[in-house]
Protein backbone atom coordinates (compact mmCIF):
# COMPACT_ATOMS: atom_id res chain seq x y z
CA MET A 1 -144.89 -60.23 -67.04
CA LYS A 2 -145.11 -56.64 -68.20
CA ARG A 3 -142.51 -55.47 -70.78
CA GLY A 4 -139.75 -53.63 -69.13
CA GLN A 5 -140.06 -55.31 -65.83
CA PRO A 6 -136.70 -56.64 -64.52
CA ALA A 7 -136.35 -60.36 -65.05
CA LEU A 8 -134.16 -63.18 -63.56
CA ARG A 9 -133.91 -65.99 -66.06
CA LEU A 10 -133.28 -69.67 -64.61
CA LYS A 11 -130.85 -72.07 -66.33
CA ARG A 12 -132.54 -74.99 -68.34
CA GLY A 13 -133.42 -77.89 -65.85
CA ARG A 14 -133.34 -75.47 -62.58
CA GLU A 15 -136.85 -76.04 -61.95
CA ALA A 16 -136.90 -76.09 -57.93
CA PRO A 17 -138.05 -72.51 -57.89
CA HIS A 18 -141.41 -73.77 -59.00
CA THR A 19 -141.98 -75.05 -55.49
CA HIS A 20 -139.08 -73.91 -53.44
CA PRO A 21 -138.50 -70.00 -52.85
CA TRP A 22 -134.84 -70.14 -52.86
CA ILE A 23 -132.81 -69.29 -56.14
CA PHE A 24 -128.80 -69.63 -55.86
CA LYS A 25 -126.44 -67.63 -58.35
CA GLY A 26 -125.84 -70.99 -60.03
CA ASP A 27 -129.61 -71.43 -60.75
CA VAL A 28 -129.48 -68.20 -62.82
CA ALA A 29 -128.92 -67.73 -66.66
CA ASP A 30 -128.94 -64.17 -66.68
CA VAL A 31 -130.64 -61.13 -64.92
CA SER A 32 -131.44 -57.77 -65.96
CA GLU A 33 -130.27 -54.56 -64.46
CA VAL A 34 -131.69 -54.37 -61.06
CA GLU A 35 -131.29 -52.64 -58.00
CA PRO A 36 -130.12 -54.73 -55.09
CA GLY A 37 -133.12 -55.56 -52.91
CA ALA A 38 -135.59 -54.76 -55.63
CA ALA A 39 -138.16 -57.12 -56.85
CA VAL A 40 -137.52 -59.15 -59.74
CA THR A 41 -139.80 -61.24 -61.84
CA VAL A 42 -138.49 -64.99 -62.18
CA ILE A 43 -138.85 -66.60 -65.82
CA ASP A 44 -137.82 -70.22 -66.85
CA ALA A 45 -135.28 -70.91 -69.78
CA ALA A 46 -138.55 -70.81 -71.98
CA SER A 47 -139.36 -67.32 -70.80
CA ARG A 48 -142.36 -68.60 -69.00
CA PHE A 49 -143.40 -66.91 -65.49
CA VAL A 50 -142.27 -68.85 -62.37
CA GLY A 51 -142.86 -66.09 -59.84
CA ARG A 52 -141.77 -62.69 -58.24
CA GLY A 53 -139.14 -61.98 -55.51
CA PHE A 54 -136.51 -59.75 -54.01
CA TYR A 55 -132.92 -59.80 -55.71
CA ASN A 56 -129.84 -59.39 -54.25
CA PRO A 57 -126.23 -60.11 -56.25
CA ARG A 58 -124.42 -60.09 -53.11
CA PRO A 59 -125.14 -63.47 -51.44
CA ALA A 60 -124.76 -66.71 -53.26
CA LEU A 61 -128.68 -67.22 -52.18
CA CYS A 62 -129.41 -64.40 -54.48
CA CYS A 63 -133.07 -64.23 -54.77
CA ARG A 64 -136.16 -65.26 -52.53
CA ILE A 65 -139.64 -65.94 -54.46
CA LEU A 66 -142.40 -64.25 -52.42
CA THR A 67 -145.20 -65.22 -54.88
CA TRP A 68 -146.12 -67.54 -57.81
CA THR A 69 -148.49 -65.45 -58.95
CA ASP A 70 -148.06 -62.54 -61.38
CA GLU A 71 -148.91 -59.74 -58.74
CA PRO A 72 -147.32 -56.61 -57.71
CA LEU A 73 -145.34 -56.90 -54.59
CA ASP A 74 -146.95 -53.69 -53.13
CA ALA A 75 -148.51 -52.72 -49.94
CA ALA A 76 -151.72 -54.66 -50.70
CA PHE A 77 -149.62 -57.79 -51.04
CA PHE A 78 -148.00 -57.23 -47.77
CA ARG A 79 -151.09 -56.43 -45.90
CA ARG A 80 -152.54 -59.71 -47.18
CA ARG A 81 -149.50 -61.74 -46.15
CA VAL A 82 -149.49 -60.33 -42.64
CA GLU A 83 -153.25 -60.84 -42.32
CA SER A 84 -153.07 -64.31 -43.54
CA ALA A 85 -150.08 -65.17 -40.93
CA VAL A 86 -151.97 -63.59 -37.92
CA ALA A 87 -155.25 -65.70 -38.92
CA LEU A 88 -153.31 -68.75 -38.80
CA ARG A 89 -152.09 -68.03 -35.26
CA SER A 90 -155.56 -67.10 -34.33
CA ARG A 91 -157.48 -70.21 -35.36
CA ASP A 92 -157.77 -71.75 -31.82
CA ASN A 93 -158.57 -68.25 -30.36
CA VAL A 94 -161.54 -66.21 -30.81
CA HIS A 95 -159.54 -63.24 -29.22
CA GLY A 96 -156.90 -63.57 -31.79
CA PRO A 97 -153.26 -64.45 -32.12
CA PRO A 98 -151.68 -65.39 -28.33
CA THR A 99 -149.91 -62.48 -26.53
CA LEU A 100 -146.82 -64.36 -26.99
CA CYS A 101 -146.20 -66.08 -29.97
CA ARG A 102 -144.16 -65.99 -33.45
CA LEU A 103 -146.82 -63.94 -35.70
CA ILE A 104 -144.68 -64.39 -38.82
CA TRP A 105 -142.16 -67.01 -39.80
CA SER A 106 -140.40 -65.93 -43.20
CA GLU A 107 -140.88 -68.65 -45.86
CA ALA A 108 -143.35 -70.82 -44.05
CA ASP A 109 -145.97 -67.59 -44.11
CA GLY A 110 -144.94 -66.48 -47.71
CA LEU A 111 -142.72 -63.43 -46.46
CA PRO A 112 -139.00 -65.14 -46.71
CA GLY A 113 -136.65 -62.69 -44.76
CA LEU A 114 -139.08 -61.52 -42.45
CA VAL A 115 -139.87 -62.51 -39.04
CA VAL A 116 -142.18 -61.02 -36.39
CA ASP A 117 -142.72 -62.05 -32.81
CA ARG A 118 -145.41 -60.61 -30.25
CA TYR A 119 -144.27 -60.05 -26.48
CA GLY A 120 -147.68 -58.83 -25.12
CA PRO A 121 -148.23 -55.28 -26.20
CA VAL A 122 -145.16 -55.03 -28.18
CA LEU A 123 -144.24 -56.43 -31.71
CA VAL A 124 -140.53 -57.09 -32.58
CA THR A 125 -139.72 -57.20 -36.26
CA GLN A 126 -136.65 -59.02 -37.67
CA CYS A 127 -135.55 -58.39 -41.18
CA LEU A 128 -132.60 -61.19 -42.80
CA THR A 129 -132.54 -59.71 -46.12
CA LEU A 130 -132.06 -56.57 -48.07
CA GLY A 131 -135.42 -56.71 -49.92
CA MET A 132 -137.11 -56.86 -46.52
CA ALA A 133 -135.20 -54.11 -45.02
CA ARG A 134 -136.27 -52.02 -47.81
CA THR A 135 -139.85 -52.93 -47.49
CA ARG A 136 -140.09 -52.41 -43.88
CA PRO A 137 -142.42 -49.21 -43.90
CA MET A 138 -145.01 -51.35 -45.68
CA ILE A 139 -144.45 -53.91 -43.15
CA ILE A 140 -145.08 -51.50 -40.43
CA ALA A 141 -148.19 -50.32 -41.85
CA ALA A 142 -149.58 -53.83 -42.30
CA LEU A 143 -148.79 -54.63 -38.84
CA ALA A 144 -150.58 -51.35 -37.81
CA GLY A 145 -153.68 -52.36 -40.02
CA VAL A 146 -154.02 -55.36 -37.58
CA PHE A 147 -152.73 -54.04 -34.18
CA GLY A 148 -153.28 -50.56 -34.34
CA ASP A 149 -150.75 -48.37 -32.48
CA ALA A 150 -148.99 -51.25 -30.68
CA PRO A 151 -145.46 -50.35 -30.53
CA VAL A 152 -143.08 -51.84 -32.95
CA PHE A 153 -139.30 -52.67 -32.24
CA ASP A 154 -136.85 -53.53 -35.23
CA MET A 155 -134.15 -55.94 -33.97
CA ASP A 156 -132.35 -57.16 -37.16
CA ASP A 157 -130.17 -60.08 -37.25
CA ALA A 158 -126.46 -58.53 -37.68
CA THR A 159 -124.98 -61.65 -39.30
CA SER A 160 -127.67 -61.57 -42.03
CA ALA A 161 -127.37 -57.86 -42.57
CA ARG A 162 -123.56 -58.06 -43.09
CA LEU A 163 -124.01 -60.96 -45.69
CA GLU A 164 -126.95 -59.14 -47.32
CA GLY A 165 -125.29 -55.57 -47.44
CA PHE A 166 -127.71 -53.36 -45.01
CA SER A 167 -127.37 -51.70 -41.62
CA ALA A 168 -128.97 -53.74 -38.93
CA ALA A 169 -131.79 -51.83 -37.39
CA LEU A 170 -132.29 -51.82 -33.65
CA GLY A 171 -134.95 -49.37 -32.22
CA TRP A 172 -138.04 -48.53 -32.21
CA ALA A 173 -139.91 -48.09 -35.47
CA ARG A 174 -142.57 -46.07 -34.50
CA GLY A 175 -142.87 -44.02 -31.26
CA SER A 176 -141.76 -45.81 -28.45
CA GLY A 177 -142.34 -48.40 -25.95
CA PRO A 178 -141.35 -50.20 -22.96
CA ARG A 179 -137.76 -51.35 -21.94
CA SER A 180 -138.92 -54.53 -20.83
CA VAL A 181 -142.40 -56.36 -21.07
CA ARG A 182 -143.45 -59.30 -18.39
CA VAL A 183 -145.11 -62.10 -20.41
CA THR A 184 -146.62 -65.48 -19.17
CA GLU A 185 -146.09 -68.95 -20.75
CA GLY A 186 -148.07 -71.87 -19.42
CA GLY A 187 -148.14 -70.05 -16.08
CA VAL A 188 -144.39 -69.18 -15.79
CA GLY A 189 -143.63 -65.44 -15.79
CA PHE A 190 -140.52 -64.11 -18.14
CA GLU A 191 -139.12 -60.83 -18.30
CA VAL A 192 -138.12 -59.87 -21.73
CA THR A 193 -135.96 -56.83 -22.25
CA ILE A 194 -136.70 -55.41 -25.63
CA GLY A 195 -133.69 -55.41 -28.11
CA VAL A 196 -131.60 -57.44 -25.78
CA GLY A 197 -130.21 -61.14 -26.17
CA HIS A 198 -130.82 -63.73 -28.53
CA LYS A 199 -133.60 -64.21 -31.25
CA THR A 200 -135.84 -61.27 -30.66
CA GLY A 201 -135.84 -61.83 -26.88
CA LEU A 202 -136.75 -65.43 -25.96
CA TYR A 203 -136.75 -68.81 -27.76
CA LEU A 204 -140.36 -68.89 -28.77
CA ASP A 205 -139.71 -71.97 -30.32
CA GLN A 206 -139.07 -73.78 -27.50
CA CYS A 207 -142.42 -73.04 -25.85
CA GLU A 208 -144.15 -76.12 -26.18
CA ASN A 209 -141.25 -78.04 -25.28
CA ARG A 210 -140.63 -76.06 -22.11
CA THR A 211 -144.18 -76.81 -20.90
CA ARG A 212 -143.44 -80.35 -21.66
CA VAL A 213 -140.27 -80.27 -19.13
CA GLY A 214 -143.12 -79.15 -16.50
CA ALA A 215 -144.92 -82.32 -16.85
CA LEU A 216 -142.17 -84.61 -16.59
CA ALA A 217 -140.27 -82.89 -13.46
CA GLN A 218 -142.18 -83.30 -10.47
CA GLY A 219 -139.92 -84.70 -7.70
CA ARG A 220 -136.85 -84.60 -9.78
CA ASP A 221 -133.58 -82.62 -9.91
CA VAL A 222 -133.39 -81.11 -13.15
CA LEU A 223 -130.10 -80.01 -15.34
CA ASP A 224 -130.69 -77.47 -17.85
CA ALA A 225 -127.57 -77.06 -20.12
CA PHE A 226 -127.25 -74.19 -22.19
CA SER A 227 -129.81 -72.68 -20.43
CA TYR A 228 -130.19 -69.01 -21.55
CA THR A 229 -132.62 -67.20 -19.44
CA ALA A 230 -133.50 -70.32 -17.43
CA GLY A 231 -136.66 -70.91 -19.33
CA PHE A 232 -137.00 -75.08 -18.97
CA ALA A 233 -135.60 -74.43 -15.20
CA CYS A 234 -138.53 -72.39 -14.65
CA HIS A 235 -141.02 -74.62 -16.08
CA ALA A 236 -139.59 -77.77 -14.46
CA LEU A 237 -139.58 -76.19 -10.83
CA ARG A 238 -143.03 -75.06 -11.82
CA GLY A 239 -143.90 -78.51 -12.33
CA GLY A 240 -142.60 -79.49 -8.69
CA ALA A 241 -139.04 -80.56 -9.39
CA ARG A 242 -136.76 -80.39 -6.26
CA ARG A 243 -133.82 -78.46 -7.53
CA ALA A 244 -132.55 -77.25 -10.82
CA VAL A 245 -129.08 -76.87 -11.92
CA CYS A 246 -128.65 -74.49 -15.06
CA ILE A 247 -125.36 -74.09 -16.73
CA GLU A 248 -124.87 -70.95 -18.87
CA SER A 249 -121.58 -69.13 -19.77
CA SER A 250 -123.17 -65.63 -20.83
CA PRO A 251 -123.21 -62.99 -18.28
CA GLU A 252 -125.97 -61.31 -20.02
CA ALA A 253 -128.15 -64.58 -19.94
CA ILE A 254 -127.21 -65.27 -16.60
CA ALA A 255 -128.49 -61.93 -15.50
CA GLY A 256 -131.75 -62.73 -17.55
CA ALA A 257 -131.91 -66.34 -15.65
CA ARG A 258 -131.64 -64.97 -12.14
CA GLN A 259 -134.51 -62.39 -13.15
CA ASN A 260 -136.99 -64.90 -14.13
CA LEU A 261 -136.20 -67.39 -11.19
CA ALA A 262 -136.72 -64.52 -8.63
CA LEU A 263 -139.77 -63.18 -10.74
CA ASN A 264 -141.36 -67.10 -10.28
CA GLY A 265 -140.02 -67.37 -6.50
CA PHE A 266 -137.68 -70.32 -7.51
CA GLU A 267 -134.28 -68.72 -6.37
CA ALA A 268 -133.87 -70.96 -3.55
CA GLN A 269 -134.41 -74.20 -5.62
CA ALA A 270 -132.18 -73.18 -8.57
CA GLU A 271 -128.34 -73.11 -8.72
CA ILE A 272 -126.65 -71.36 -11.69
CA ARG A 273 -123.29 -72.30 -12.99
CA ALA A 274 -121.50 -69.75 -15.03
CA GLU A 275 -119.43 -72.34 -16.75
CA ASN A 276 -118.69 -73.62 -20.33
CA ALA A 277 -121.32 -76.43 -20.63
CA PHE A 278 -118.76 -79.08 -22.12
CA ASP A 279 -116.41 -78.67 -19.12
CA GLU A 280 -119.06 -78.72 -16.64
CA LEU A 281 -120.81 -81.95 -17.91
CA ARG A 282 -117.73 -83.73 -17.47
CA ARG A 283 -117.21 -82.34 -13.78
CA LEU A 284 -120.76 -83.46 -13.06
CA GLU A 285 -120.07 -86.81 -14.60
CA ARG A 286 -116.70 -87.10 -12.45
CA GLY A 287 -118.35 -86.00 -9.63
CA GLY A 288 -121.10 -88.85 -10.00
CA ALA A 289 -123.98 -86.34 -10.25
CA ARG A 290 -127.44 -87.77 -11.37
CA PHE A 291 -130.44 -85.73 -12.45
CA GLY A 292 -134.20 -87.08 -13.30
CA VAL A 293 -134.54 -84.59 -16.17
CA ILE A 294 -131.90 -83.22 -18.56
CA VAL A 295 -132.19 -80.76 -21.23
CA LEU A 296 -129.55 -80.15 -23.92
CA ASP A 297 -130.66 -77.13 -26.02
CA PRO A 298 -127.16 -75.58 -27.39
CA PRO A 299 -126.88 -72.80 -29.69
CA PRO A 300 -126.17 -73.84 -33.35
CA PHE A 301 -122.94 -75.85 -33.90
CA ALA A 302 -123.08 -75.92 -37.62
CA ARG A 303 -123.47 -72.46 -39.26
CA SER A 304 -122.15 -73.71 -42.55
CA ARG A 305 -121.96 -77.19 -44.03
CA SER A 306 -117.94 -77.01 -43.74
CA ALA A 307 -118.64 -76.98 -39.82
CA LEU A 308 -120.70 -80.17 -40.06
CA ASP A 309 -117.85 -82.62 -38.81
CA ALA A 310 -117.02 -80.71 -35.94
CA ALA A 311 -120.62 -79.88 -34.98
CA THR A 312 -121.20 -83.57 -35.06
CA ARG A 313 -118.48 -84.27 -32.58
CA GLY A 314 -119.90 -81.49 -30.31
CA TYR A 315 -123.38 -83.03 -30.01
CA LYS A 316 -122.01 -86.27 -29.47
CA GLU A 317 -119.92 -85.10 -26.71
CA ILE A 318 -122.67 -83.51 -24.94
CA ASN A 319 -125.16 -86.02 -25.48
CA LEU A 320 -122.82 -88.98 -24.17
CA ARG A 321 -122.19 -86.79 -20.88
CA ALA A 322 -125.53 -86.19 -20.46
CA MET A 323 -126.52 -89.82 -20.77
CA ARG A 324 -124.23 -90.93 -18.14
CA LEU A 325 -125.68 -88.39 -15.84
CA LEU A 326 -129.08 -89.37 -16.49
CA GLU A 327 -130.72 -91.67 -13.68
CA ARG A 328 -132.80 -94.73 -14.54
CA GLY A 329 -136.06 -93.82 -15.52
CA GLY A 330 -134.88 -90.35 -16.16
CA SER A 331 -135.92 -88.20 -19.08
CA LEU A 332 -133.56 -86.46 -21.53
CA LEU A 333 -134.69 -83.36 -23.98
CA THR A 334 -132.10 -83.09 -26.42
CA PHE A 335 -132.14 -80.69 -29.37
CA SER A 336 -130.28 -79.43 -32.61
CA CYS A 337 -131.21 -76.20 -34.06
CA SER A 338 -128.60 -76.21 -36.59
CA HIS A 339 -129.94 -76.05 -40.20
CA HIS A 340 -127.17 -78.51 -41.67
CA VAL A 341 -127.70 -81.31 -39.19
CA SER A 342 -130.81 -83.27 -40.41
CA GLU A 343 -133.21 -85.06 -38.11
CA ALA A 344 -131.65 -88.56 -39.42
CA LEU A 345 -128.04 -87.28 -38.37
CA PHE A 346 -129.11 -86.03 -35.10
CA GLU A 347 -130.69 -89.35 -34.24
CA GLU A 348 -127.71 -91.15 -35.61
CA ILE A 349 -125.48 -89.03 -33.24
CA CYS A 350 -127.48 -89.63 -30.29
CA ARG A 351 -127.55 -93.48 -31.16
CA ASP A 352 -123.71 -93.44 -31.40
CA ALA A 353 -123.32 -91.53 -28.12
CA ALA A 354 -125.63 -93.95 -26.30
CA ALA A 355 -123.43 -96.79 -27.50
CA ASP A 356 -120.12 -95.27 -26.09
CA ALA A 357 -121.76 -94.31 -22.91
CA GLY A 358 -122.97 -97.63 -22.42
CA VAL A 359 -126.67 -96.66 -21.81
CA ARG A 360 -130.05 -97.98 -22.99
CA LEU A 361 -132.85 -95.16 -24.02
CA ARG A 362 -136.02 -95.45 -25.20
CA VAL A 363 -137.38 -93.04 -27.85
CA VAL A 364 -140.59 -91.68 -26.17
CA ASP A 365 -141.19 -88.70 -28.84
CA ARG A 366 -139.54 -86.86 -31.68
CA LEU A 367 -139.63 -83.20 -30.83
CA GLY A 368 -139.53 -79.92 -32.83
CA GLN A 369 -140.41 -76.37 -33.12
CA SER A 370 -143.77 -74.80 -31.40
CA SER A 371 -146.81 -74.75 -33.75
CA ASP A 372 -146.56 -71.09 -34.14
CA HIS A 373 -143.45 -71.78 -36.50
CA PRO A 374 -144.87 -73.86 -39.34
CA VAL A 375 -143.17 -76.07 -41.55
CA LEU A 376 -143.73 -76.14 -45.33
CA LEU A 377 -143.39 -79.59 -46.81
CA SER A 378 -141.55 -78.31 -49.85
CA VAL A 379 -139.36 -76.22 -48.05
CA PRO A 380 -137.70 -78.28 -45.40
CA GLU A 381 -135.23 -75.45 -44.17
CA THR A 382 -138.75 -74.59 -42.44
CA ARG A 383 -138.02 -77.27 -39.98
CA TYR A 384 -134.80 -76.14 -38.24
CA LEU A 385 -135.42 -77.49 -35.00
CA LYS A 386 -134.70 -81.10 -33.97
CA GLY A 387 -135.07 -83.08 -30.98
CA LEU A 388 -135.60 -86.36 -28.93
CA LEU A 389 -137.37 -87.08 -25.84
CA LEU A 390 -135.36 -90.21 -24.50
CA GLU A 391 -136.00 -92.30 -21.41
CA ALA A 392 -133.31 -94.17 -19.64
CA LEU A 393 -133.95 -97.78 -18.95
């Protein structure tokens, strides 16, 4: 480490940052004066080099390591990381990364606090930390080195921006691009409005699971709860489902669902119920409804550890109702994207729900996020989407 560089010293016995990129305030012995969001060199209690990352004294998670090598966090560094992430998504395609995919997935690609998604000709960036927001010009330049003059839209997460203390960007980073793009996923078309909706416009992490629903749905009635823009329903109908019922309470999402169903010619086979999913699942059960395929893909119920008990009750409730709606031989695909709900806990919740529902279910498969959202063994937080494919006996 060069003399005079800002340094963060870890407390003795806090060696986790040697393998995990997160450093919390409780791990820190002392830190030299450094501007929030700037690079800092991390050293251990014996002053040995650990890594280099971005420091922000505002949140409890005050530093995220980008490299364990003594190298500068400069334009060349970000160019290498972006090129490496793109190369990973290009392994199975000689023409480069898919036109619909997650190009950069934060810690999993060595760029904690940064997400980049590709929607056809448009790239969408999302900064989750102050350090990445300050580094955006270098990120944009690195993307230009790979994708030329492809339009780039900045769509930062507002909650993360408030926590980290920066203004969330929402707009074109370079030039301008189309208001919406039409993309294709496994033969199903989706209209994505740039800068609108959850995530960066589409839940790309469910791409492979949506395709799987299509293979299960032939000749069946399908229930897509928390349907957002009807992605699962569209795949089910393309796979030959008789009909699909979508439950969604957001007017914005419902408008997107109608658009996607019409785009694929499925309006006549789909019904959208603009209701609270908890209430509608109860009503369907009371009415004796039955479905051959049910998808439960709710938003995160536990955004903090303090919300875990309430989240557990919520997950159990919707799974219990869905299990009672499932016909014999039918398939339930149920998910949790709550970081604080572990895979083991989620399976336990579903087991308890099945017991209370009085049904027997076979575990056909354990589900997760699409492969363009890679998982690091030493960073379990990179595997946030947990799911089960269950079959009613």
